[in-house]
């Protein structure tokens, strides 16, 4: 009985590890990449806002913004999103990046402690 259970578990694991994602008859391969982006911000509220905006982008796996260095480190599936899309998502919530500038009205609506422009 134990051998049958072990065999079933091994078969399930093998099946899961060999599975591929198919779209319109073509096999696609996930390409997980790391990226970095300079993002302006000033406080812990900014960190939360920036990271949540990035994590809302489909295909993003991980996001971490460093308040001191202003560096956003991301890990994402390049088949589902891009650094350009990530940068635009950050700018949409009021934070300038080295690729995009936040809309002035969105920036002005940020909490007082989050204002970083001079």
Protein backbone atom coordinates (compact mmCIF):
# COMPACT_ATOMS: atom_id res chain seq x y z
CA UNK A 1 0.00 0.00 0.00
CA UNK A 2 2.84 2.41 0.87
CA UNK A 3 4.49 1.70 -2.48
CA UNK A 4 1.27 2.58 -4.33
CA UNK A 5 0.93 5.86 -2.45
CA UNK A 6 4.57 6.77 -3.09
CA UNK A 7 4.15 5.88 -6.76
CA UNK A 8 1.02 8.07 -7.01
CA UNK A 9 2.78 11.00 -5.34
CA UNK A 10 5.82 10.63 -7.60
CA UNK A 11 3.59 10.49 -10.67
CA UNK A 12 1.75 13.64 -9.60
CA UNK A 13 5.03 15.50 -9.02
CA UNK A 14 6.36 14.39 -12.38
CA UNK A 15 3.18 15.51 -14.11
CA UNK A 16 3.29 18.92 -12.43
CA UNK A 17 6.96 19.49 -13.24
CA UNK A 18 6.49 18.56 -16.89
CA UNK A 19 3.44 20.79 -17.47
CA UNK A 20 3.73 23.66 -19.96
CA UNK A 21 1.47 26.61 -20.53
CA UNK A 22 -0.18 26.66 -23.93
CA UNK A 23 -1.77 29.64 -25.61
CA UNK A 24 -3.36 29.45 -29.04
CA UNK A 25 -1.57 26.23 -29.82
CA UNK A 26 1.91 27.60 -29.08
CA UNK A 27 3.97 26.74 -26.03
CA UNK A 28 5.08 29.80 -24.06
CA UNK A 29 7.96 29.86 -21.66
CA UNK A 30 7.99 32.12 -18.63
CA UNK A 31 11.04 34.31 -18.46
CA UNK A 32 11.56 35.65 -14.97
CA UNK A 33 13.85 38.67 -14.94
CA UNK A 34 15.11 41.17 -12.37
CA UNK A 35 15.02 44.89 -12.94
CA UNK A 36 15.92 48.13 -11.21
CA UNK A 37 14.37 51.55 -11.53
CA UNK A 38 15.02 54.85 -9.79
CA UNK A 39 11.79 56.06 -8.16
CA UNK A 40 11.36 59.33 -6.27
CA UNK A 41 9.67 59.25 -2.88
CA UNK A 42 10.18 60.47 0.65
CA UNK A 43 8.72 58.23 3.36
CA UNK A 44 7.23 54.92 4.44
CA UNK A 45 3.87 55.83 2.92
CA UNK A 46 5.63 56.29 -0.41
CA UNK A 47 7.27 52.87 -0.04
CA UNK A 48 3.90 51.22 0.52
CA UNK A 49 2.25 53.10 -2.37
CA UNK A 50 5.08 52.35 -4.81
CA UNK A 51 5.34 48.66 -3.95
CA UNK A 52 1.57 48.13 -4.07
CA UNK A 53 1.31 49.85 -7.46
CA UNK A 54 4.05 47.61 -8.85
CA UNK A 55 2.61 44.43 -7.37
CA UNK A 56 -0.73 45.27 -9.03
CA UNK A 57 0.95 44.98 -12.45
CA UNK A 58 0.17 41.57 -13.95
CA UNK A 59 3.32 39.45 -14.09
CA UNK A 60 5.18 41.16 -11.24
CA UNK A 61 6.41 38.68 -8.65
CA UNK A 62 8.35 40.88 -6.23
CA UNK A 63 8.85 44.60 -5.62
CA UNK A 64 10.97 46.41 -3.06
CA UNK A 65 11.70 50.14 -2.91
CA UNK A 66 14.63 51.45 -0.84
CA UNK A 67 13.84 54.86 0.64
CA UNK A 68 17.49 55.88 1.02
CA UNK A 69 18.77 54.91 -2.43
CA UNK A 70 15.43 55.55 -4.23
CA UNK A 71 15.99 52.23 -6.00
CA UNK A 72 13.08 49.95 -6.86
CA UNK A 73 14.06 46.32 -7.36
CA UNK A 74 11.52 44.15 -9.17
CA UNK A 75 11.22 40.58 -10.35
CA UNK A 76 8.72 39.90 -13.12
CA UNK A 77 7.69 37.66 -15.99
CA UNK A 78 8.92 39.45 -19.11
CA UNK A 79 6.32 37.60 -21.18
CA UNK A 80 3.54 39.35 -19.25
CA UNK A 81 4.93 42.83 -18.47
CA UNK A 82 7.91 45.13 -18.93
CA UNK A 83 9.94 47.73 -17.08
CA UNK A 84 8.11 50.35 -19.14
CA UNK A 85 4.71 49.16 -17.82
CA UNK A 86 6.07 49.02 -14.27
CA UNK A 87 7.42 52.57 -14.55
CA UNK A 88 4.09 53.85 -15.86
CA UNK A 89 2.23 52.18 -12.97
CA UNK A 90 4.49 53.95 -10.47
CA UNK A 91 4.06 57.31 -12.22
CA UNK A 92 0.27 56.85 -12.18
CA UNK A 93 0.29 56.85 -8.36
CA UNK A 94 2.35 60.05 -8.16
CA UNK A 95 6.01 59.02 -8.20
CA UNK A 96 8.56 60.11 -10.79
CA UNK A 97 10.84 57.42 -12.19
CA UNK A 98 13.89 57.68 -14.39
CA UNK A 99 11.56 56.72 -17.28
CA UNK A 100 8.29 58.58 -16.52
CA UNK A 101 7.16 61.72 -14.71
CA UNK A 102 4.04 61.62 -12.55
CA UNK A 103 1.16 63.87 -13.53
CA UNK A 104 1.37 67.15 -11.59
CA UNK A 105 -2.20 66.82 -10.27
CA UNK A 106 -1.61 63.29 -9.00
CA UNK A 107 1.65 64.37 -7.37
CA UNK A 108 0.00 67.39 -5.71
CA UNK A 109 -2.67 65.11 -4.20
CA UNK A 110 -0.05 63.07 -2.29
CA UNK A 111 0.17 63.46 1.48
CA UNK A 112 2.36 66.37 2.59
CA UNK A 113 5.16 64.11 3.84
CA UNK A 114 5.30 62.35 0.47
CA UNK A 115 6.16 65.46 -1.57
CA UNK A 116 9.69 65.11 -2.93
CA UNK A 117 9.87 67.71 -5.72
CA UNK A 118 11.54 71.04 -4.96
